[in-house]
All heavy atoms as atom14 arrays in JSON, in Angstrom:
{
  "sequence": "NAKVNYQLSPEQLQNITVEKKQGVIASSGALAVNTGEFTGRSPK",
  "atom14_mask": [
    [1, 1, 1, 1, 1, 1, 1, 1, 0, 0, 0, 0, 0, 0],
    [1, 1, 1, 1, 1, 0, 0, 0, 0, 0, 0, 0, 0, 0],
    [1, 1, 1, 1, 1, 1, 1, 1, 1, 0, 0, 0, 0, 0],
    [1, 1, 1, 1, 1, 1, 1, 0, 0, 0, 0, 0, 0, 0],
    [1, 1, 1, 1, 1, 1, 1, 1, 0, 0, 0, 0, 0, 0],
    [1, 1, 1, 1, 1, 1, 1, 1, 1, 1, 1, 1, 0, 0],
    [1, 1, 1, 1, 1, 1, 1, 1, 1, 0, 0, 0, 0, 0],
    [1, 1, 1, 1, 1, 1, 1, 1, 0, 0, 0, 0, 0, 0],
    [1, 1, 1, 1, 1, 1, 0, 0, 0, 0, 0, 0, 0, 0],
    [1, 1, 1, 1, 1, 1, 1, 0, 0, 0, 0, 0, 0, 0],
    [1, 1, 1, 1, 1, 1, 1, 1, 1, 0, 0, 0, 0, 0],
    [1, 1, 1, 1, 1, 1, 1, 1, 1, 0, 0, 0, 0, 0],
    [1, 1, 1, 1, 1, 1, 1, 1, 0, 0, 0, 0, 0, 0],
    [1, 1, 1, 1, 1, 1, 1, 1, 1, 0, 0, 0, 0, 0],
    [1, 1, 1, 1, 1, 1, 1, 1, 0, 0, 0, 0, 0, 0],
    [1, 1, 1, 1, 1, 1, 1, 1, 0, 0, 0, 0, 0, 0],
    [1, 1, 1, 1, 1, 1, 1, 0, 0, 0, 0, 0, 0, 0],
    [1, 1, 1, 1, 1, 1, 1, 0, 0, 0, 0, 0, 0, 0],
    [1, 1, 1, 1, 1, 1, 1, 1, 1, 0, 0, 0, 0, 0],
    [1, 1, 1, 1, 1, 1, 1, 1, 1, 0, 0, 0, 0, 0],
    [1, 1, 1, 1, 1, 1, 1, 1, 1, 0, 0, 0, 0, 0],
    [1, 1, 1, 1, 1, 1, 1, 1, 1, 0, 0, 0, 0, 0],
    [1, 1, 1, 1, 0, 0, 0, 0, 0, 0, 0, 0, 0, 0],
    [1, 1, 1, 1, 1, 1, 1, 0, 0, 0, 0, 0, 0, 0],
    [1, 1, 1, 1, 1, 1, 1, 1, 0, 0, 0, 0, 0, 0],
    [1, 1, 1, 1, 1, 0, 0, 0, 0, 0, 0, 0, 0, 0],
    [1, 1, 1, 1, 1, 1, 0, 0, 0, 0, 0, 0, 0, 0],
    [1, 1, 1, 1, 1, 1, 0, 0, 0, 0, 0, 0, 0, 0],
    [1, 1, 1, 1, 0, 0, 0, 0, 0, 0, 0, 0, 0, 0],
    [1, 1, 1, 1, 1, 0, 0, 0, 0, 0, 0, 0, 0, 0],
    [1, 1, 1, 1, 1, 1, 1, 1, 0, 0, 0, 0, 0, 0],
    [1, 1, 1, 1, 1, 0, 0, 0, 0, 0, 0, 0, 0, 0],
    [1, 1, 1, 1, 1, 1, 1, 0, 0, 0, 0, 0, 0, 0],
    [1, 1, 1, 1, 1, 1, 1, 1, 0, 0, 0, 0, 0, 0],
    [1, 1, 1, 1, 1, 1, 1, 0, 0, 0, 0, 0, 0, 0],
    [1, 1, 1, 1, 0, 0, 0, 0, 0, 0, 0, 0, 0, 0],
    [1, 1, 1, 1, 1, 1, 1, 1, 1, 0, 0, 0, 0, 0],
    [1, 1, 1, 1, 1, 1, 1, 1, 1, 1, 1, 0, 0, 0],
    [1, 1, 1, 1, 1, 1, 1, 0, 0, 0, 0, 0, 0, 0],
    [1, 1, 1, 1, 0, 0, 0, 0, 0, 0, 0, 0, 0, 0],
    [1, 1, 1, 1, 1, 1, 1, 1, 1, 1, 1, 0, 0, 0],
    [1, 1, 1, 1, 1, 1, 0, 0, 0, 0, 0, 0, 0, 0],
    [1, 1, 1, 1, 1, 1, 1, 0, 0, 0, 0, 0, 0, 0],
    [1, 1, 1, 1, 1, 1, 1, 1, 1, 0, 0, 0, 0, 0]
  ],
  "atom14_positions": [
    [[13.76, -17.99, 3.41], [12.81, -18.07, 4.55], [11.83, -16.91, 4.6], [11.42, -16.48, 5.68], [13.58, -18.14, 5.89], [14.57, -19.28, 5.9], [14.26, -20.37, 5.44], [15.77, -19.02, 6.39], [0.0, 0.0, 0.0], [0.0, 0.0, 0.0], [0.0, 0.0, 0.0], [0.0, 0.0, 0.0], [0.0, 0.0, 0.0], [0.0, 0.0, 0.0]],
    [[11.46, -16.41, 3.46], [10.5, -15.3, 3.45], [9.08, -15.85, 3.49], [8.82, -16.95, 3.0], [10.69, -14.44, 2.21], [0.0, 0.0, 0.0], [0.0, 0.0, 0.0], [0.0, 0.0, 0.0], [0.0, 0.0, 0.0], [0.0, 0.0, 0.0], [0.0, 0.0, 0.0], [0.0, 0.0, 0.0], [0.0, 0.0, 0.0], [0.0, 0.0, 0.0]],
    [[8.17, -15.08, 4.08], [6.76, -15.42, 3.97], [6.27, -14.78, 2.67], [6.19, -13.56, 2.56], [5.97, -14.88, 5.17], [4.5, -15.3, 5.09], [3.62, -14.6, 6.1], [2.16, -14.94, 5.79], [1.21, -14.15, 6.59], [0.0, 0.0, 0.0], [0.0, 0.0, 0.0], [0.0, 0.0, 0.0], [0.0, 0.0, 0.0], [0.0, 0.0, 0.0]],
    [[5.98, -15.63, 1.68], [5.67, -15.13, 0.34], [4.16, -15.02, 0.14], [3.44, -16.02, 0.22], [6.28, -16.05, -0.74], [5.93, -15.53, -2.13], [7.8, -16.14, -0.57], [0.0, 0.0, 0.0], [0.0, 0.0, 0.0], [0.0, 0.0, 0.0], [0.0, 0.0, 0.0], [0.0, 0.0, 0.0], [0.0, 0.0, 0.0], [0.0, 0.0, 0.0]],
    [[3.68, -13.8, -0.11], [2.28, -13.59, -0.49], [2.24, -13.46, -2.0], [2.65, -12.44, -2.56], [1.76, -12.3, 0.14], [1.72, -12.38, 1.65], [0.86, -13.02, 2.23], [2.68, -11.72, 2.31], [0.0, 0.0, 0.0], [0.0, 0.0, 0.0], [0.0, 0.0, 0.0], [0.0, 0.0, 0.0], [0.0, 0.0, 0.0], [0.0, 0.0, 0.0]],
    [[1.76, -14.52, -2.69], [1.84, -14.56, -4.14], [0.49, -14.22, -4.79], [-0.53, -14.82, -4.45], [2.31, -15.94, -4.61], [2.34, -16.1, -6.12], [3.27, -15.39, -6.89], [1.44, -16.94, -6.78], [3.3, -15.53, -8.27], [1.47, -17.08, -8.16], [2.4, -16.37, -8.9], [2.42, -16.5, -10.27], [0.0, 0.0, 0.0], [0.0, 0.0, 0.0]],
    [[0.52, -13.24, -5.68], [-0.62, -12.92, -6.57], [-1.89, -12.62, -5.76], [-2.98, -13.06, -6.13], [-0.85, -14.1, -7.53], [-1.23, -13.71, -8.95], [-0.1, -13.04, -9.73], [1.02, -12.93, -9.27], [-0.4, -12.56, -10.93], [0.0, 0.0, 0.0], [0.0, 0.0, 0.0], [0.0, 0.0, 0.0], [0.0, 0.0, 0.0], [0.0, 0.0, 0.0]],
    [[-1.74, -11.86, -4.68], [-2.92, -11.49, -3.89], [-3.8, -10.54, -4.7], [-3.31, -9.79, -5.54], [-2.52, -10.82, -2.57], [-1.72, -11.65, -1.57], [-1.61, -10.89, -0.24], [-2.34, -13.02, -1.32], [0.0, 0.0, 0.0], [0.0, 0.0, 0.0], [0.0, 0.0, 0.0], [0.0, 0.0, 0.0], [0.0, 0.0, 0.0], [0.0, 0.0, 0.0]],
    [[-5.09, -10.57, -4.43], [-6.01, -9.66, -5.12], [-5.8, -8.24, -4.59], [-5.3, -8.04, -3.47], [-7.45, -10.09, -4.86], [-7.79, -9.83, -3.5], [0.0, 0.0, 0.0], [0.0, 0.0, 0.0], [0.0, 0.0, 0.0], [0.0, 0.0, 0.0], [0.0, 0.0, 0.0], [0.0, 0.0, 0.0], [0.0, 0.0, 0.0], [0.0, 0.0, 0.0]],
    [[-6.23, -7.22, -5.35], [-6.11, -5.84, -4.86], [-6.82, -5.65, -3.53], [-6.33, -4.93, -2.66], [-6.79, -5.02, -5.96], [-6.82, -5.87, -7.16], [-6.79, -7.3, -6.7], [0.0, 0.0, 0.0], [0.0, 0.0, 0.0], [0.0, 0.0, 0.0], [0.0, 0.0, 0.0], [0.0, 0.0, 0.0], [0.0, 0.0, 0.0], [0.0, 0.0, 0.0]],
    [[-7.96, -6.31, -3.38], [-8.72, -6.19, -2.13], [-7.91, -6.71, -0.95], [-7.84, -6.07, 0.11], [-10.04, -6.96, -2.26], [-11.03, -6.64, -1.18], [-12.42, -7.2, -1.49], [-12.56, -8.03, -2.41], [-13.34, -6.78, -0.79], [0.0, 0.0, 0.0], [0.0, 0.0, 0.0], [0.0, 0.0, 0.0], [0.0, 0.0, 0.0], [0.0, 0.0, 0.0]],
    [[-7.28, -7.89, -1.13], [-6.45, -8.44, -0.04], [-5.29, -7.49, 0.28], [-4.99, -7.24, 1.45], [-5.89, -9.81, -0.47], [-6.95, -10.91, -0.53], [-6.38, -12.17, -1.2], [-5.84, -12.12, -2.3], [-6.5, -13.3, -0.51], [0.0, 0.0, 0.0], [0.0, 0.0, 0.0], [0.0, 0.0, 0.0], [0.0, 0.0, 0.0], [0.0, 0.0, 0.0]],
    [[-4.63, -6.97, -0.76], [-3.48, -6.08, -0.54], [-3.91, -4.78, 0.14], [-3.2, -4.27, 1.0], [-2.8, -5.78, -1.89], [-2.1, -6.99, -2.51], [-1.8, -6.74, -3.98], [-0.82, -7.35, -1.76], [0.0, 0.0, 0.0], [0.0, 0.0, 0.0], [0.0, 0.0, 0.0], [0.0, 0.0, 0.0], [0.0, 0.0, 0.0], [0.0, 0.0, 0.0]],
    [[-5.08, -4.29, -0.23], [-5.61, -3.07, 0.4], [-5.87, -3.33, 1.88], [-5.51, -2.52, 2.74], [-6.88, -2.63, -0.31], [-7.54, -1.42, 0.32], [-8.67, -0.87, -0.53], [-8.46, -0.48, -1.67], [-9.88, -0.83, 0.01], [0.0, 0.0, 0.0], [0.0, 0.0, 0.0], [0.0, 0.0, 0.0], [0.0, 0.0, 0.0], [0.0, 0.0, 0.0]],
    [[-6.51, -4.46, 2.19], [-6.82, -4.8, 3.59], [-5.56, -4.92, 4.43], [-5.49, -4.43, 5.56], [-7.63, -6.1, 3.66], [-9.03, -5.94, 3.09], [-9.51, -4.82, 2.93], [-9.69, -7.04, 2.76], [0.0, 0.0, 0.0], [0.0, 0.0, 0.0], [0.0, 0.0, 0.0], [0.0, 0.0, 0.0], [0.0, 0.0, 0.0], [0.0, 0.0, 0.0]],
    [[-4.53, -5.58, 3.86], [-3.26, -5.75, 4.59], [-2.61, -4.38, 4.83], [-2.09, -4.1, 5.92], [-2.3, -6.7, 3.83], [-2.89, -8.11, 3.75], [-0.93, -6.74, 4.51], [-2.19, -9.02, 2.76], [0.0, 0.0, 0.0], [0.0, 0.0, 0.0], [0.0, 0.0, 0.0], [0.0, 0.0, 0.0], [0.0, 0.0, 0.0], [0.0, 0.0, 0.0]],
    [[-2.66, -3.5, 3.81], [-2.08, -2.16, 3.95], [-2.73, -1.4, 5.1], [-2.04, -0.76, 5.91], [-2.26, -1.37, 2.63], [-1.64, -2.1, 1.56], [-1.64, 0.01, 2.72], [0.0, 0.0, 0.0], [0.0, 0.0, 0.0], [0.0, 0.0, 0.0], [0.0, 0.0, 0.0], [0.0, 0.0, 0.0], [0.0, 0.0, 0.0], [0.0, 0.0, 0.0]],
    [[-4.06, -1.5, 5.18], [-4.8, -0.8, 6.25], [-4.48, -1.43, 7.61], [-4.22, -0.72, 8.59], [-6.31, -0.79, 5.96], [-7.09, -0.22, 7.13], [-6.6, 0.01, 4.69], [0.0, 0.0, 0.0], [0.0, 0.0, 0.0], [0.0, 0.0, 0.0], [0.0, 0.0, 0.0], [0.0, 0.0, 0.0], [0.0, 0.0, 0.0], [0.0, 0.0, 0.0]],
    [[-4.47, -2.78, 7.65], [-4.14, -3.49, 8.91], [-2.76, -3.1, 9.43], [-2.55, -2.94, 10.62], [-4.15, -5.02, 8.68], [-5.54, -5.64, 8.69], [-5.52, -7.04, 8.06], [-4.45, -7.68, 8.04], [-6.58, -7.47, 7.56], [0.0, 0.0, 0.0], [0.0, 0.0, 0.0], [0.0, 0.0, 0.0], [0.0, 0.0, 0.0], [0.0, 0.0, 0.0]],
    [[-1.81, -2.94, 8.51], [-0.44, -2.62, 8.9], [-0.26, -1.1, 9.12], [0.87, -0.64, 9.31], [0.55, -3.1, 7.82], [0.69, -4.61, 7.74], [1.74, -5.0, 6.7], [1.92, -6.5, 6.61], [2.63, -7.09, 7.77], [0.0, 0.0, 0.0], [0.0, 0.0, 0.0], [0.0, 0.0, 0.0], [0.0, 0.0, 0.0], [0.0, 0.0, 0.0]],
    [[-1.38, -0.37, 9.02], [-1.36, 1.09, 9.2], [-0.41, 1.79, 8.21], [0.23, 2.78, 8.53], [-1.02, 1.46, 10.66], [-2.08, 0.97, 11.64], [-1.86, 1.54, 13.02], [-3.05, 1.37, 13.95], [-3.77, 0.1, 13.85], [0.0, 0.0, 0.0], [0.0, 0.0, 0.0], [0.0, 0.0, 0.0], [0.0, 0.0, 0.0], [0.0, 0.0, 0.0]],
    [[-0.35, 1.23, 7.0], [0.46, 1.85, 5.95], [-0.41, 2.66, 4.98], [0.09, 3.24, 4.03], [1.22, 0.76, 5.17], [2.27, 0.07, 6.02], [2.96, -1.08, 5.26], [2.74, -1.3, 4.08], [3.79, -1.82, 5.97], [0.0, 0.0, 0.0], [0.0, 0.0, 0.0], [0.0, 0.0, 0.0], [0.0, 0.0, 0.0], [0.0, 0.0, 0.0]],
    [[-1.72, 2.68, 5.24], [-2.62, 3.44, 4.38], [-4.0, 3.5, 5.02], [-4.29, 2.78, 5.98], [0.0, 0.0, 0.0], [0.0, 0.0, 0.0], [0.0, 0.0, 0.0], [0.0, 0.0, 0.0], [0.0, 0.0, 0.0], [0.0, 0.0, 0.0], [0.0, 0.0, 0.0], [0.0, 0.0, 0.0], [0.0, 0.0, 0.0], [0.0, 0.0, 0.0]],
    [[-4.84, 4.38, 4.46], [-6.22, 4.52, 4.95], [-7.16, 4.56, 3.75], [-6.74, 4.81, 2.62], [-6.41, 5.81, 5.8], [-5.6, 5.74, 7.09], [-6.03, 7.06, 5.0], [0.0, 0.0, 0.0], [0.0, 0.0, 0.0], [0.0, 0.0, 0.0], [0.0, 0.0, 0.0], [0.0, 0.0, 0.0], [0.0, 0.0, 0.0], [0.0, 0.0, 0.0]],
    [[-8.43, 4.31, 4.0], [-9.41, 4.33, 2.92], [-10.04, 5.72, 2.83], [-10.54, 6.25, 3.81], [-10.51, 3.27, 3.15], [-9.89, 1.87, 3.38], [-11.48, 3.24, 1.96], [-9.04, 1.36, 2.24], [0.0, 0.0, 0.0], [0.0, 0.0, 0.0], [0.0, 0.0, 0.0], [0.0, 0.0, 0.0], [0.0, 0.0, 0.0], [0.0, 0.0, 0.0]],
    [[-10.01, 6.28, 1.63], [-10.64, 7.58, 1.38], [-12.15, 7.39, 1.22], [-12.64, 6.27, 1.04], [-10.05, 8.21, 0.12], [0.0, 0.0, 0.0], [0.0, 0.0, 0.0], [0.0, 0.0, 0.0], [0.0, 0.0, 0.0], [0.0, 0.0, 0.0], [0.0, 0.0, 0.0], [0.0, 0.0, 0.0], [0.0, 0.0, 0.0], [0.0, 0.0, 0.0]],
    [[-12.89, 8.48, 1.26], [-14.35, 8.4, 1.16], [-14.8, 7.81, -0.18], [-15.87, 7.22, -0.28], [-14.97, 9.79, 1.33], [-14.48, 10.66, 0.32], [0.0, 0.0, 0.0], [0.0, 0.0, 0.0], [0.0, 0.0, 0.0], [0.0, 0.0, 0.0], [0.0, 0.0, 0.0], [0.0, 0.0, 0.0], [0.0, 0.0, 0.0], [0.0, 0.0, 0.0]],
    [[-13.96, 7.91, -1.21], [-14.28, 7.36, -2.53], [-14.11, 5.84, -2.58], [-14.49, 5.2, -3.56], [-13.36, 7.98, -3.58], [-12.0, 7.64, -3.28], [0.0, 0.0, 0.0], [0.0, 0.0, 0.0], [0.0, 0.0, 0.0], [0.0, 0.0, 0.0], [0.0, 0.0, 0.0], [0.0, 0.0, 0.0], [0.0, 0.0, 0.0], [0.0, 0.0, 0.0]],
    [[-13.49, 5.26, -1.52], [-13.2, 3.83, -1.52], [-11.77, 3.53, -1.94], [-11.29, 2.41, -1.8], [0.0, 0.0, 0.0], [0.0, 0.0, 0.0], [0.0, 0.0, 0.0], [0.0, 0.0, 0.0], [0.0, 0.0, 0.0], [0.0, 0.0, 0.0], [0.0, 0.0, 0.0], [0.0, 0.0, 0.0], [0.0, 0.0, 0.0], [0.0, 0.0, 0.0]],
    [[-11.05, 4.55, -2.45], [-9.65, 4.36, -2.86], [-8.75, 4.24, -1.63], [-9.07, 4.74, -0.55], [-9.2, 5.53, -3.73], [0.0, 0.0, 0.0], [0.0, 0.0, 0.0], [0.0, 0.0, 0.0], [0.0, 0.0, 0.0], [0.0, 0.0, 0.0], [0.0, 0.0, 0.0], [0.0, 0.0, 0.0], [0.0, 0.0, 0.0], [0.0, 0.0, 0.0]],
    [[-7.63, 3.56, -1.81], [-6.61, 3.45, -0.76], [-5.71, 4.68, -0.85], [-5.25, 5.04, -1.94], [-5.78, 2.18, -0.99], [-4.59, 1.95, -0.05], [-5.05, 1.73, 1.38], [-3.76, 0.76, -0.53], [0.0, 0.0, 0.0], [0.0, 0.0, 0.0], [0.0, 0.0, 0.0], [0.0, 0.0, 0.0], [0.0, 0.0, 0.0], [0.0, 0.0, 0.0]],
    [[-5.46, 5.34, 0.26], [-4.56, 6.51, 0.28], [-3.31, 6.16, 1.06], [-3.39, 5.69, 2.2], [-5.27, 7.71, 0.9], [0.0, 0.0, 0.0], [0.0, 0.0, 0.0], [0.0, 0.0, 0.0], [0.0, 0.0, 0.0], [0.0, 0.0, 0.0], [0.0, 0.0, 0.0], [0.0, 0.0, 0.0], [0.0, 0.0, 0.0], [0.0, 0.0, 0.0]],
    [[-2.15, 6.35, 0.44], [-0.87, 6.04, 1.09], [0.04, 7.27, 1.02], [-0.16, 8.17, 0.21], [-0.15, 4.84, 0.43], [-0.99, 3.58, 0.5], [0.24, 5.15, -1.03], [0.0, 0.0, 0.0], [0.0, 0.0, 0.0], [0.0, 0.0, 0.0], [0.0, 0.0, 0.0], [0.0, 0.0, 0.0], [0.0, 0.0, 0.0], [0.0, 0.0, 0.0]],
    [[1.04, 7.24, 1.9], [2.08, 8.26, 1.86], [3.37, 7.55, 1.47], [3.74, 6.56, 2.1], [2.2, 8.91, 3.25], [3.11, 10.13, 3.2], [4.21, 10.07, 2.67], [2.65, 11.24, 3.76], [0.0, 0.0, 0.0], [0.0, 0.0, 0.0], [0.0, 0.0, 0.0], [0.0, 0.0, 0.0], [0.0, 0.0, 0.0], [0.0, 0.0, 0.0]],
    [[4.05, 8.03, 0.42], [5.23, 7.31, -0.08], [6.5, 7.64, 0.7], [7.57, 7.15, 0.37], [5.45, 7.59, -1.58], [5.69, 9.0, -1.77], [4.26, 7.16, -2.4], [0.0, 0.0, 0.0], [0.0, 0.0, 0.0], [0.0, 0.0, 0.0], [0.0, 0.0, 0.0], [0.0, 0.0, 0.0], [0.0, 0.0, 0.0], [0.0, 0.0, 0.0]],
    [[6.37, 8.48, 1.73], [7.52, 8.72, 2.61], [8.42, 9.84, 2.1], [7.96, 10.82, 1.52], [0.0, 0.0, 0.0], [0.0, 0.0, 0.0], [0.0, 0.0, 0.0], [0.0, 0.0, 0.0], [0.0, 0.0, 0.0], [0.0, 0.0, 0.0], [0.0, 0.0, 0.0], [0.0, 0.0, 0.0], [0.0, 0.0, 0.0], [0.0, 0.0, 0.0]],
    [[9.7, 9.64, 2.31], [10.7, 10.69, 2.0], [10.61, 11.16, 0.54], [10.75, 12.34, 0.25], [12.09, 10.11, 2.27], [13.22, 11.07, 1.97], [14.6, 10.42, 2.1], [14.68, 9.22, 2.45], [15.59, 11.12, 1.82], [0.0, 0.0, 0.0], [0.0, 0.0, 0.0], [0.0, 0.0, 0.0], [0.0, 0.0, 0.0], [0.0, 0.0, 0.0]],
    [[10.38, 10.23, -0.39], [10.35, 10.58, -1.81], [8.92, 10.59, -2.34], [8.2, 9.6, -2.23], [11.22, 9.6, -2.63], [12.68, 9.72, -2.32], [13.28, 8.92, -1.36], [13.46, 10.68, -2.97], [14.63, 9.04, -1.05], [14.81, 10.83, -2.67], [15.4, 10.01, -1.71], [0.0, 0.0, 0.0], [0.0, 0.0, 0.0], [0.0, 0.0, 0.0]],
    [[8.54, 11.73, -2.89], [7.19, 11.86, -3.46], [7.26, 11.99, -4.98], [6.3, 12.36, -5.64], [6.48, 13.1, -2.87], [7.3, 14.25, -3.14], [6.29, 12.94, -1.37], [0.0, 0.0, 0.0], [0.0, 0.0, 0.0], [0.0, 0.0, 0.0], [0.0, 0.0, 0.0], [0.0, 0.0, 0.0], [0.0, 0.0, 0.0], [0.0, 0.0, 0.0]],
    [[8.43, 11.73, -5.52], [8.64, 11.76, -6.97], [9.89, 10.94, -7.28], [10.56, 10.44, -6.37], [0.0, 0.0, 0.0], [0.0, 0.0, 0.0], [0.0, 0.0, 0.0], [0.0, 0.0, 0.0], [0.0, 0.0, 0.0], [0.0, 0.0, 0.0], [0.0, 0.0, 0.0], [0.0, 0.0, 0.0], [0.0, 0.0, 0.0], [0.0, 0.0, 0.0]],
    [[10.16, 10.82, -8.57], [11.36, 10.09, -8.97], [12.61, 10.86, -8.55], [12.58, 12.07, -8.36], [11.4, 9.89, -10.5], [10.41, 8.89, -11.05], [10.51, 8.79, -12.56], [10.34, 10.1, -13.18], [11.33, 10.9, -13.57], [12.58, 10.53, -13.41], [11.08, 12.08, -14.12], [0.0, 0.0, 0.0], [0.0, 0.0, 0.0], [0.0, 0.0, 0.0]],
    [[13.72, 10.15, -8.49], [14.99, 10.78, -8.15], [15.97, 10.51, -9.3], [16.72, 9.54, -9.3], [15.52, 10.17, -6.84], [16.66, 10.86, -6.42], [0.0, 0.0, 0.0], [0.0, 0.0, 0.0], [0.0, 0.0, 0.0], [0.0, 0.0, 0.0], [0.0, 0.0, 0.0], [0.0, 0.0, 0.0], [0.0, 0.0, 0.0], [0.0, 0.0, 0.0]],
    [[15.93, 11.37, -10.36], [16.68, 11.09, -11.59], [18.18, 10.91, -11.4], [18.81, 10.15, -12.13], [16.39, 12.3, -12.48], [15.19, 12.96, -11.9], [15.18, 12.63, -10.44], [0.0, 0.0, 0.0], [0.0, 0.0, 0.0], [0.0, 0.0, 0.0], [0.0, 0.0, 0.0], [0.0, 0.0, 0.0], [0.0, 0.0, 0.0], [0.0, 0.0, 0.0]],
    [[18.74, 11.59, -10.39], [20.19, 11.48, -10.2], [20.59, 10.16, -9.53], [21.77, 9.87, -9.36], [20.69, 12.66, -9.37], [20.62, 13.98, -10.13], [21.12, 15.13, -9.28], [21.07, 16.43, -10.08], [21.28, 17.6, -9.22], [0.0, 0.0, 0.0], [0.0, 0.0, 0.0], [0.0, 0.0, 0.0], [0.0, 0.0, 0.0], [0.0, 0.0, 0.0]]
  ]
}
Protein backbone atom coordinates (compact mmCIF):
# COMPACT_ATOMS: atom_id res chain seq x y z
CA ASN A 1 0.00 0.00 0.00
CA ALA A 2 2.82 2.42 -0.68
CA LYS A 3 2.40 5.49 -2.84
CA VAL A 4 5.05 4.71 -5.45
CA ASN A 5 6.77 7.57 -7.30
CA TYR A 6 8.49 5.74 -10.17
CA GLN A 7 11.34 7.15 -12.28
CA LEU A 8 10.64 10.81 -11.49
CA SER A 9 12.84 13.37 -13.22
CA PRO A 10 15.52 15.18 -11.17
CA GLU A 11 13.47 18.35 -11.45
CA GLN A 12 10.38 16.66 -9.97
CA LEU A 13 12.45 15.14 -7.15
CA GLN A 14 14.08 18.49 -6.41
CA ASN A 15 10.68 20.23 -6.27
CA ILE A 16 9.28 17.58 -3.91
CA THR A 17 12.38 17.87 -1.67
CA VAL A 18 11.88 21.64 -1.39
CA GLU A 19 8.09 21.28 -0.84
CA LYS A 20 8.72 18.80 1.97
CA LYS A 21 11.29 21.22 3.46
CA GLN A 22 14.01 18.57 3.16
CA GLY A 23 16.26 20.86 1.12
CA VAL A 24 16.72 24.36 -0.30
CA ILE A 25 17.95 25.75 -3.60
CA ALA A 26 21.41 27.33 -3.59
CA SER A 27 22.20 30.42 -5.67
CA SER A 28 23.88 28.15 -8.26
CA GLY A 29 20.56 26.31 -8.81
CA ALA A 30 21.83 23.17 -7.03
CA LEU A 31 19.73 21.46 -4.36
CA ALA A 32 21.30 21.67 -0.88
CA VAL A 33 20.39 19.03 1.70
CA ASN A 34 21.51 18.07 5.17
CA THR A 35 22.07 14.31 5.59
CA GLY A 36 21.32 14.44 9.32
CA GLU A 37 23.17 12.53 12.01
CA PHE A 38 25.63 10.92 9.57
CA THR A 39 27.70 13.10 7.26
CA GLY A 40 29.95 10.25 6.14
CA ARG A 41 30.02 6.49 5.87
CA SER A 42 29.96 4.39 9.02
CA PRO A 43 32.47 1.57 8.29
CA LYS A 44 31.81 -0.30 11.54
